[in-house]
Amino acid sequence: MFTTLLFHVQNNVATITLNRPDVYNAFNDTLSYELQDALKQAEKDAAVRAVVLTGAGKAFCSGQDLKAAQEGKRNLGDSLHKRYNPIIRAIRNMPKPVICRLNGVAAGAGCSLALACDVIVAAENATLIEIFINIALVLDSGSSYFLPRTIGYHRAFELATKATKLTAADALQMGLVNKVVKAEELDAAVEAEAAFYAQAPTKAIALMKKMLTKGMTEDLDTVLDYEAWCQEIAGNTEDNREGIQAFLEKRKPAFSGK
C-alpha cells in the first residue's frame, strides 16, 4: 500500500516507519502524502489505541529532501500548507497518543515532526537540530510553536538561529524528550511505553491532549470551563465506569478505550 513508509498494527499499536533510509528518511512529495494517509488510517482504525512514529536505519528524519526539492521551482508556502502542516495537525489532533521512537537524527522538519509527538523516547545517540538557518530559511512545521513553549524564548531563539545540534542528553535536560535509553534498549523502552497507552483509557487521554494544548494558549477562565466540559464527556465513558468499578473491587481496571 505504501512505498516510502511501513505501516504495521499489533496489540492495538500502529507503528509508522519512515522508510527512505538511503537519504536518512528525508521527505519527498510521496513520503509527505503517504504519511498523511498513514496517520488518517491510524486515527480511523478503532483497534489502534496508540501510535509509534519512527525511522528506518540510522536516522529518524532529516527533513526535506533538498535534491528532490530542486525538481522545478517550488512555492514553499504552498508546500507547507499541502505537505507538512497536515502532518503536524494530524499528529496533534490524533485522538490517541503518538510516541516518537527517536532512533537517530531529527533535523529541520524532522525535528518538528518529533516535537509534535506526545511522548519522545530517544536513543542516547539521537540528535535534534533546527537546521533551517543553514540554508537561510526559517522554522516551519510547528517548531516555532513547540520550541518556545517547551524551553522558553531565549533558548529557542539560540537553537533556531545557530542551528545548534542537541544530543539526546541535552534534549532530556531541556525537557524536549521524555526519556533517553541506550540504542540497544530503545525497542524495549518504546514497546513498554506503547503497551501502557494501548491499555489506557483512550478517550480520556484524547481529551487531555486537547486540554493541555489549549492550556498553553488560553486564559485560566477559558481553561476552567473547558476542563468542566471535558470532564463531563469523560464521566460518561465506559472506561470511567470500569475504572470506578475496578477501584471498588480492588482490582486493576481493564480499559477498552470506549
C-alpha atoms as a PDB file:
ATOM      1  CA  MET A   1       0.000   0.000   0.000  1.00  0.00           C
ATOM      2  CA  PHE A   2       2.813   2.422   0.880  1.00  0.00           C
ATOM      3  CA  THR A   3       6.106   2.804  -0.965  1.00  0.00           C
ATOM      4  CA  THR A   4       8.052   5.167   1.306  1.00  0.00           C
ATOM      5  CA  LEU A   5       6.918   4.046   4.744  1.00  0.00           C
ATOM      6  CA  LEU A   6       5.950   0.912   6.638  1.00  0.00           C
ATOM      7  CA  PHE A   7       2.624   0.600   8.458  1.00  0.00           C
ATOM      8  CA  HIS A   8       2.050  -2.175  10.958  1.00  0.00           C
ATOM      9  CA  VAL A   9      -0.624  -2.762  13.618  1.00  0.00           C
ATOM     10  CA  GLN A  10      -0.113  -5.157  16.503  1.00  0.00           C
ATOM     11  CA  ASN A  11      -1.500  -5.282  20.042  1.00  0.00           C
ATOM     12  CA  ASN A  12      -3.547  -2.108  19.480  1.00  0.00           C
ATOM     13  CA  VAL A  13      -0.426  -0.178  18.447  1.00  0.00           C
ATOM     14  CA  ALA A  14       0.120   1.236  14.946  1.00  0.00           C
ATOM     15  CA  THR A  15       3.793   1.624  14.074  1.00  0.00           C
ATOM     16  CA  ILE A  16       4.598   4.009  11.230  1.00  0.00           C
ATOM     17  CA  THR A  17       8.188   3.797   9.984  1.00  0.00           C
ATOM     18  CA  LEU A  18       9.568   6.362   7.560  1.00  0.00           C
ATOM     19  CA  ASN A  19      11.376   4.147   5.074  1.00  0.00           C
ATOM     20  CA  ARG A  20      13.870   6.081   2.965  1.00  0.00           C
ATOM     21  CA  PRO A  21      16.992   5.115   4.899  1.00  0.00           C
ATOM     22  CA  ASP A  22      19.337   5.844   1.982  1.00  0.00           C
ATOM     23  CA  VAL A  23      18.532   9.570   2.381  1.00  0.00           C
ATOM     24  CA  TYR A  24      18.068   9.475   6.165  1.00  0.00           C
ATOM     25  CA  ASN A  25      14.289   9.345   5.728  1.00  0.00           C
ATOM     26  CA  ALA A  26      14.171  12.795   4.140  1.00  0.00           C
ATOM     27  CA  PHE A  27      10.780  13.958   2.911  1.00  0.00           C
ATOM     28  CA  ASN A  28       9.933  13.917  -0.756  1.00  0.00           C
ATOM     29  CA  ASP A  29       6.403  14.513  -2.040  1.00  0.00           C
ATOM     30  CA  THR A  30       5.479  10.844  -1.864  1.00  0.00           C
ATOM     31  CA  LEU A  31       6.569  10.387   1.739  1.00  0.00           C
ATOM     32  CA  SER A  32       4.763  13.502   2.921  1.00  0.00           C
ATOM     33  CA  TYR A  33       1.474  12.451   1.336  1.00  0.00           C
ATOM     34  CA  GLU A  34       1.829   8.814   2.391  1.00  0.00           C
ATOM     35  CA  LEU A  35       2.469   9.884   5.980  1.00  0.00           C
ATOM     36  CA  GLN A  36      -0.711  11.944   5.887  1.00  0.00           C
ATOM     37  CA  ASP A  37      -2.588   8.851   4.705  1.00  0.00           C
ATOM     38  CA  ALA A  38      -0.981   6.575   7.304  1.00  0.00           C
ATOM     39  CA  LEU A  39      -1.925   8.944  10.141  1.00  0.00           C
ATOM     40  CA  LYS A  40      -5.516   9.072   8.864  1.00  0.00           C
ATOM     41  CA  GLN A  41      -5.574   5.280   8.748  1.00  0.00           C
ATOM     42  CA  ALA A  42      -4.293   5.037  12.322  1.00  0.00           C
ATOM     43  CA  GLU A  43      -6.907   7.514  13.510  1.00  0.00           C
ATOM     44  CA  LYS A  44      -9.803   5.748  11.802  1.00  0.00           C
ATOM     45  CA  ASP A  45      -8.840   2.239  12.951  1.00  0.00           C
ATOM     46  CA  ALA A  46     -10.778   1.608  16.165  1.00  0.00           C
ATOM     47  CA  ALA A  47      -8.361  -1.185  17.062  1.00  0.00           C
ATOM     48  CA  VAL A  48      -5.484   1.314  17.246  1.00  0.00           C
ATOM     49  CA  ARG A  49      -5.133   2.937  20.663  1.00  0.00           C
ATOM     50  CA  ALA A  50      -1.557   4.213  20.377  1.00  0.00           C
ATOM     51  CA  VAL A  51       0.744   5.201  17.512  1.00  0.00           C
ATOM     52  CA  VAL A  52       4.528   4.873  17.266  1.00  0.00           C
ATOM     53  CA  LEU A  53       6.367   7.036  14.742  1.00  0.00           C
ATOM     54  CA  THR A  54       9.958   6.206  13.833  1.00  0.00           C
ATOM     55  CA  GLY A  55      12.515   5.997  11.022  1.00  0.00           C
ATOM     56  CA  ALA A  56      14.267   3.118   9.301  1.00  0.00           C
ATOM     57  CA  GLY A  57      18.027   2.797   9.510  1.00  0.00           C
ATOM     58  CA  LYS A  58      20.282   5.282  11.287  1.00  0.00           C
ATOM     59  CA  ALA A  59      18.054   8.378  11.155  1.00  0.00           C
ATOM     60  CA  PHE A  60      14.637   9.415  12.366  1.00  0.00           C
ATOM     61  CA  CYS A  61      14.083  12.054   9.692  1.00  0.00           C
ATOM     62  CA  SER A  62      16.495  14.539   8.138  1.00  0.00           C
ATOM     63  CA  GLY A  63      13.778  16.933   6.962  1.00  0.00           C
ATOM     64  CA  GLN A  64      13.146  17.951   3.369  1.00  0.00           C
ATOM     65  CA  ASP A  65      14.981  16.056   0.643  1.00  0.00           C
ATOM     66  CA  LEU A  66      16.800  19.033  -0.891  1.00  0.00           C
ATOM     67  CA  LYS A  67      17.687  17.144  -4.064  1.00  0.00           C
ATOM     68  CA  ALA A  68      14.039  16.340  -4.657  1.00  0.00           C
ATOM     69  CA  ALA A  69      13.139  19.959  -3.902  1.00  0.00           C
ATOM     70  CA  GLN A  70      15.288  21.146  -6.818  1.00  0.00           C
ATOM     71  CA  GLU A  71      12.975  19.484  -9.332  1.00  0.00           C
ATOM     72  CA  GLY A  72      11.278  22.666 -10.534  1.00  0.00           C
ATOM     73  CA  LYS A  73      10.633  25.932  -8.717  1.00  0.00           C
ATOM     74  CA  ARG A  74       8.573  25.431  -5.541  1.00  0.00           C
ATOM     75  CA  ASN A  75       6.270  27.739  -3.664  1.00  0.00           C
ATOM     76  CA  LEU A  76       7.477  26.951  -0.161  1.00  0.00           C
ATOM     77  CA  GLY A  77       4.335  28.317   1.454  1.00  0.00           C
ATOM     78  CA  ASP A  78       2.138  26.031  -0.636  1.00  0.00           C
ATOM     79  CA  SER A  79       4.429  23.111   0.127  1.00  0.00           C
ATOM     80  CA  LEU A  80       3.955  23.673   3.843  1.00  0.00           C
ATOM     81  CA  HIS A  81       0.185  24.051   3.546  1.00  0.00           C
ATOM     82  CA  LYS A  82      -0.215  20.930   1.400  1.00  0.00           C
ATOM     83  CA  ARG A  83       2.558  18.611   2.609  1.00  0.00           C
ATOM     84  CA  TYR A  84       3.863  19.360   6.097  1.00  0.00           C
ATOM     85  CA  ASN A  85       1.185  21.239   8.007  1.00  0.00           C
ATOM     86  CA  PRO A  86      -1.430  18.491   7.504  1.00  0.00           C
ATOM     87  CA  ILE A  87       1.022  16.012   9.060  1.00  0.00           C
ATOM     88  CA  ILE A  88       1.584  18.151  12.142  1.00  0.00           C
ATOM     89  CA  ARG A  89      -2.137  18.805  12.530  1.00  0.00           C
ATOM     90  CA  ALA A  90      -2.882  15.099  12.134  1.00  0.00           C
ATOM     91  CA  ILE A  91      -0.498  14.242  14.974  1.00  0.00           C
ATOM     92  CA  ARG A  92      -1.765  16.990  17.277  1.00  0.00           C
ATOM     93  CA  ASN A  93      -5.440  16.232  16.502  1.00  0.00           C
ATOM     94  CA  MET A  94      -4.964  12.473  16.716  1.00  0.00           C
ATOM     95  CA  PRO A  95      -7.337  11.274  19.487  1.00  0.00           C
ATOM     96  CA  LYS A  96      -4.692   8.756  20.501  1.00  0.00           C
ATOM     97  CA  PRO A  97      -1.204   9.193  21.973  1.00  0.00           C
ATOM     98  CA  VAL A  98       1.613   9.418  19.422  1.00  0.00           C
ATOM     99  CA  ILE A  99       5.003   8.162  20.604  1.00  0.00           C
ATOM    100  CA  CYS A 100       8.168   9.196  18.821  1.00  0.00           C
ATOM    101  CA  ARG A 101      10.810   6.475  18.673  1.00  0.00           C
ATOM    102  CA  LEU A 102      13.746   8.807  18.137  1.00  0.00           C
ATOM    103  CA  ASN A 103      16.332   6.408  16.750  1.00  0.00           C
ATOM    104  CA  GLY A 104      18.737   8.922  15.182  1.00  0.00           C
ATOM    105  CA  VAL A 105      18.996  12.437  13.822  1.00  0.00           C
ATOM    106  CA  ALA A 106      15.863  14.586  13.632  1.00  0.00           C
ATOM    107  CA  ALA A 107      16.671  17.655  11.539  1.00  0.00           C
ATOM    108  CA  GLY A 108      14.589  20.527  10.206  1.00  0.00           C
ATOM    109  CA  ALA A 109      11.060  19.340   9.521  1.00  0.00           C
ATOM    110  CA  GLY A 110      12.133  16.019  11.011  1.00  0.00           C
ATOM    111  CA  CYS A 111      12.797  17.811  14.289  1.00  0.00           C
ATOM    112  CA  SER A 112       9.363  19.429  14.064  1.00  0.00           C
ATOM    113  CA  LEU A 113       7.864  16.009  13.406  1.00  0.00           C
ATOM    114  CA  ALA A 114       9.406  14.632  16.590  1.00  0.00           C
ATOM    115  CA  LEU A 115       8.361  17.633  18.685  1.00  0.00           C
ATOM    116  CA  ALA A 116       4.759  17.275  17.504  1.00  0.00           C
ATOM    117  CA  CYS A 117       4.503  13.849  19.147  1.00  0.00           C
ATOM    118  CA  ASP A 118       3.091  13.394  22.652  1.00  0.00           C
ATOM    119  CA  VAL A 119       5.934  11.288  24.040  1.00  0.00           C
ATOM    120  CA  ILE A 120       9.526  11.144  22.784  1.00  0.00           C
ATOM    121  CA  VAL A 121      11.738   8.190  23.696  1.00  0.00           C
ATOM    122  CA  ALA A 122      15.250   8.761  22.364  1.00  0.00           C
ATOM    123  CA  ALA A 123      18.263   6.560  21.832  1.00  0.00           C
ATOM    124  CA  GLU A 124      21.309   8.071  23.519  1.00  0.00           C
ATOM    125  CA  ASN A 125      22.934   8.565  20.099  1.00  0.00           C
ATOM    126  CA  ALA A 126      19.942  10.500  18.715  1.00  0.00           C
ATOM    127  CA  THR A 127      20.232  14.216  17.960  1.00  0.00           C
ATOM    128  CA  LEU A 128      17.889  17.098  17.217  1.00  0.00           C
ATOM    129  CA  ILE A 129      18.789  20.120  15.117  1.00  0.00           C
ATOM    130  CA  GLU A 130      16.761  23.014  13.725  1.00  0.00           C
ATOM    131  CA  ILE A 131      18.886  23.251  10.611  1.00  0.00           C
ATOM    132  CA  PHE A 132      16.818  25.773   8.633  1.00  0.00           C
ATOM    133  CA  ILE A 133      19.128  28.749   9.209  1.00  0.00           C
ATOM    134  CA  ASN A 134      21.979  26.940   7.436  1.00  0.00           C
ATOM    135  CA  ILE A 135      20.151  27.425   4.144  1.00  0.00           C
ATOM    136  CA  ALA A 136      18.704  30.832   5.149  1.00  0.00           C
ATOM    137  CA  LEU A 137      15.221  29.513   5.841  1.00  0.00           C
ATOM    138  CA  VAL A 138      13.049  29.821   8.938  1.00  0.00           C
ATOM    139  CA  LEU A 139      11.464  27.367  11.354  1.00  0.00           C
ATOM    140  CA  ASP A 140       8.437  25.561   9.970  1.00  0.00           C
ATOM    141  CA  SER A 141       6.166  22.553  10.521  1.00  0.00           C
ATOM    142  CA  GLY A 142       5.336  23.758  14.016  1.00  0.00           C
ATOM    143  CA  SER A 143       8.784  24.235  15.508  1.00  0.00           C
ATOM    144  CA  SER A 144       8.166  27.920  16.250  1.00  0.00           C
ATOM    145  CA  TYR A 145       5.129  26.778  18.268  1.00  0.00           C
ATOM    146  CA  PHE A 146       6.628  23.823  20.103  1.00  0.00           C
ATOM    147  CA  LEU A 147      10.115  25.112  20.908  1.00  0.00           C
ATOM    148  CA  PRO A 148       9.382  28.301  22.895  1.00  0.00           C
ATOM    149  CA  ARG A 149       6.523  26.648  24.763  1.00  0.00           C
ATOM    150  CA  THR A 150       8.806  23.833  25.844  1.00  0.00           C
ATOM    151  CA  ILE A 151      12.128  25.528  26.537  1.00  0.00           C
ATOM    152  CA  GLY A 152      11.365  29.261  26.564  1.00  0.00           C
ATOM    153  CA  TYR A 153      12.050  32.048  24.080  1.00  0.00           C
ATOM    154  CA  HIS A 154      15.758  32.617  24.659  1.00  0.00           C
ATOM    155  CA  ARG A 155      16.845  29.015  24.303  1.00  0.00           C
ATOM    156  CA  ALA A 156      14.510  28.559  21.344  1.00  0.00           C
ATOM    157  CA  PHE A 157      15.993  31.642  19.652  1.00  0.00           C
ATOM    158  CA  GLU A 158      19.511  30.280  20.097  1.00  0.00           C
ATOM    159  CA  LEU A 159      18.682  26.830  18.757  1.00  0.00           C
ATOM    160  CA  ALA A 160      16.862  28.323  15.775  1.00  0.00           C
ATOM    161  CA  THR A 161      19.412  30.958  14.800  1.00  0.00           C
ATOM    162  CA  LYS A 162      22.577  28.938  15.417  1.00  0.00           C
ATOM    163  CA  ALA A 163      21.353  25.506  14.262  1.00  0.00           C
ATOM    164  CA  THR A 164      22.735  24.077  17.493  1.00  0.00           C
ATOM    165  CA  LYS A 165      22.816  20.286  17.434  1.00  0.00           C
ATOM    166  CA  LEU A 166      21.379  18.829  20.634  1.00  0.00           C
ATOM    167  CA  THR A 167      22.405  15.427  21.918  1.00  0.00           C
ATOM    168  CA  ALA A 168      19.707  13.259  23.412  1.00  0.00           C
ATOM    169  CA  ALA A 169      21.117  14.047  26.869  1.00  0.00           C
ATOM    170  CA  ASP A 170      20.915  17.795  26.133  1.00  0.00           C
ATOM    171  CA  ALA A 171      17.339  17.433  24.923  1.00  0.00           C
ATOM    172  CA  LEU A 172      16.384  15.488  28.044  1.00  0.00           C
ATOM    173  CA  GLN A 173      17.893  18.155  30.286  1.00  0.00           C
ATOM    174  CA  MET A 174      15.906  20.849  28.435  1.00  0.00           C
ATOM    175  CA  GLY A 175      12.681  18.855  28.629  1.00  0.00           C
ATOM    176  CA  LEU A 176      12.417  18.280  24.872  1.00  0.00           C
ATOM    177  CA  VAL A 177      12.304  14.495  25.210  1.00  0.00           C
ATOM    178  CA  ASN A 178      10.764  12.264  27.853  1.00  0.00           C
ATOM    179  CA  LYS A 179      13.340   9.518  28.129  1.00  0.00           C
ATOM    180  CA  VAL A 180      16.803   8.585  26.864  1.00  0.00           C
ATOM    181  CA  VAL A 181      17.977   4.969  26.683  1.00  0.00           C
ATOM    182  CA  LYS A 182      20.866   3.050  25.175  1.00  0.00           C
ATOM    183  CA  ALA A 183      20.381   2.327  21.485  1.00  0.00           C
ATOM    184  CA  GLU A 184      20.053  -1.399  22.111  1.00  0.00           C
ATOM    185  CA  GLU A 185      17.318  -0.721  24.688  1.00  0.00           C
ATOM    186  CA  LEU A 186      15.242   1.599  22.502  1.00  0.00           C
ATOM    187  CA  ASP A 187      12.852  -1.028  21.144  1.00  0.00           C
ATOM    188  CA  ALA A 188      12.025  -2.374  24.592  1.00  0.00           C
ATOM    189  CA  ALA A 189      11.523   1.124  26.018  1.00  0.00           C
ATOM    190  CA  VAL A 190       9.207   2.161  23.190  1.00  0.00           C
ATOM    191  CA  GLU A 191       7.268  -1.103  23.347  1.00  0.00           C
ATOM    192  CA  ALA A 192       6.698  -0.605  27.077  1.00  0.00           C
ATOM    193  CA  GLU A 193       5.510   2.954  26.513  1.00  0.00           C
ATOM    194  CA  ALA A 194       3.196   1.905  23.694  1.00  0.00           C
ATOM    195  CA  ALA A 195       1.819  -1.035  25.695  1.00  0.00           C
ATOM    196  CA  PHE A 196       0.972   1.312  28.568  1.00  0.00           C
ATOM    197  CA  TYR A 197      -1.011   3.664  26.349  1.00  0.00           C
ATOM    198  CA  ALA A 198      -2.609   0.858  24.343  1.00  0.00           C
ATOM    199  CA  GLN A 199      -4.242  -0.318  27.589  1.00  0.00           C
ATOM    200  CA  ALA A 200      -5.097   3.133  28.932  1.00  0.00           C
ATOM    201  CA  PRO A 201      -8.481   4.948  28.788  1.00  0.00           C
ATOM    202  CA  THR A 202      -8.068   6.270  25.249  1.00  0.00           C
ATOM    203  CA  LYS A 203     -10.910   8.797  25.251  1.00  0.00           C
ATOM    204  CA  ALA A 204      -9.695  10.414  28.474  1.00  0.00           C
ATOM    205  CA  ILE A 205      -6.194  10.693  27.005  1.00  0.00           C
ATOM    206  CA  ALA A 206      -7.583  12.238  23.799  1.00  0.00           C
ATOM    207  CA  LEU A 207      -9.399  14.853  25.877  1.00  0.00           C
ATOM    208  CA  MET A 208      -6.313  15.595  27.983  1.00  0.00           C
ATOM    209  CA  LYS A 209      -4.257  16.005  24.830  1.00  0.00           C
ATOM    210  CA  LYS A 210      -6.649  18.736  23.678  1.00  0.00           C
ATOM    211  CA  MET A 211      -6.782  20.288  27.145  1.00  0.00           C
ATOM    212  CA  LEU A 212      -3.011  20.564  27.517  1.00  0.00           C
ATOM    213  CA  THR A 213      -2.675  22.126  24.069  1.00  0.00           C
ATOM    214  CA  LYS A 214      -5.408  24.644  24.853  1.00  0.00           C
ATOM    215  CA  GLY A 215      -3.855  25.273  28.270  1.00  0.00           C
ATOM    216  CA  MET A 216      -0.671  26.582  26.613  1.00  0.00           C
ATOM    217  CA  THR A 217      -2.503  29.471  24.947  1.00  0.00           C
ATOM    218  CA  GLU A 218      -5.790  30.207  26.749  1.00  0.00           C
ATOM    219  CA  ASP A 219      -6.543  32.186  29.915  1.00  0.00           C
ATOM    220  CA  LEU A 220      -7.475  30.488  33.191  1.00  0.00           C
ATOM    221  CA  ASP A 221     -11.236  31.078  32.965  1.00  0.00           C
ATOM    222  CA  THR A 222     -11.369  29.570  29.475  1.00  0.00           C
ATOM    223  CA  VAL A 223      -9.360  26.555  30.624  1.00  0.00           C
ATOM    224  CA  LEU A 224     -11.551  26.016  33.703  1.00  0.00           C
ATOM    225  CA  ASP A 225     -14.677  25.991  31.538  1.00  0.00           C
ATOM    226  CA  TYR A 226     -13.043  23.634  29.039  1.00  0.00           C
ATOM    227  CA  GLU A 227     -11.992  21.277  31.850  1.00  0.00           C
ATOM    228  CA  ALA A 228     -15.576  21.104  33.069  1.00  0.00           C
ATOM    229  CA  TRP A 229     -16.832  20.370  29.561  1.00  0.00           C
ATOM    230  CA  CYS A 230     -14.234  17.626  29.011  1.00  0.00           C
ATOM    231  CA  GLN A 231     -14.821  16.101  32.440  1.00  0.00           C
ATOM    232  CA  GLU A 232     -18.499  15.672  31.670  1.00  0.00           C
ATOM    233  CA  ILE A 233     -17.603  13.810  28.485  1.00  0.00           C
ATOM    234  CA  ALA A 234     -15.030  11.621  30.250  1.00  0.00           C
ATOM    235  CA  GLY A 235     -17.508  10.844  33.020  1.00  0.00           C
ATOM    236  CA  ASN A 236     -19.881   9.266  30.514  1.00  0.00           C
ATOM    237  CA  THR A 237     -17.428   6.778  29.005  1.00  0.00           C
ATOM    238  CA  GLU A 238     -17.368   3.038  29.517  1.00  0.00           C
ATOM    239  CA  ASP A 239     -13.802   3.341  30.764  1.00  0.00           C
ATOM    240  CA  ASN A 240     -14.874   5.709  33.527  1.00  0.00           C
ATOM    241  CA  ARG A 241     -17.439   3.198  34.729  1.00  0.00           C
ATOM    242  CA  GLU A 242     -14.860   0.407  34.513  1.00  0.00           C
ATOM    243  CA  GLY A 243     -12.307   2.454  36.428  1.00  0.00           C
ATOM    244  CA  ILE A 244     -14.726   3.150  39.274  1.00  0.00           C
ATOM    245  CA  GLN A 245     -15.859  -0.489  39.408  1.00  0.00           C
ATOM    246  CA  ALA A 246     -12.256  -1.724  39.438  1.00  0.00           C
ATOM    247  CA  PHE A 247     -11.439   0.670  42.276  1.00  0.00           C
ATOM    248  CA  LEU A 248     -14.379  -0.591  44.321  1.00  0.00           C
ATOM    249  CA  GLU A 249     -13.437  -4.201  43.619  1.00  0.00           C
ATOM    250  CA  LYS A 250      -9.744  -3.519  44.386  1.00  0.00           C
ATOM    251  CA  ARG A 251      -8.529  -4.789  41.002  1.00  0.00           C
ATOM    252  CA  LYS A 252      -6.687  -3.388  38.019  1.00  0.00           C
ATOM    253  CA  PRO A 253      -9.086  -1.799  35.512  1.00  0.00           C
ATOM    254  CA  ALA A 254      -9.454  -3.356  32.072  1.00  0.00           C
ATOM    255  CA  PHE A 255      -9.950  -0.299  29.916  1.00  0.00           C
ATOM    256  CA  SER A 256     -11.447  -0.824  26.459  1.00  0.00           C
ATOM    257  CA  GLY A 257     -10.803   2.624  25.043  1.00  0.00           C
ATOM    258  CA  LYS A 258     -14.554   3.308  24.864  1.00  0.00           C
END
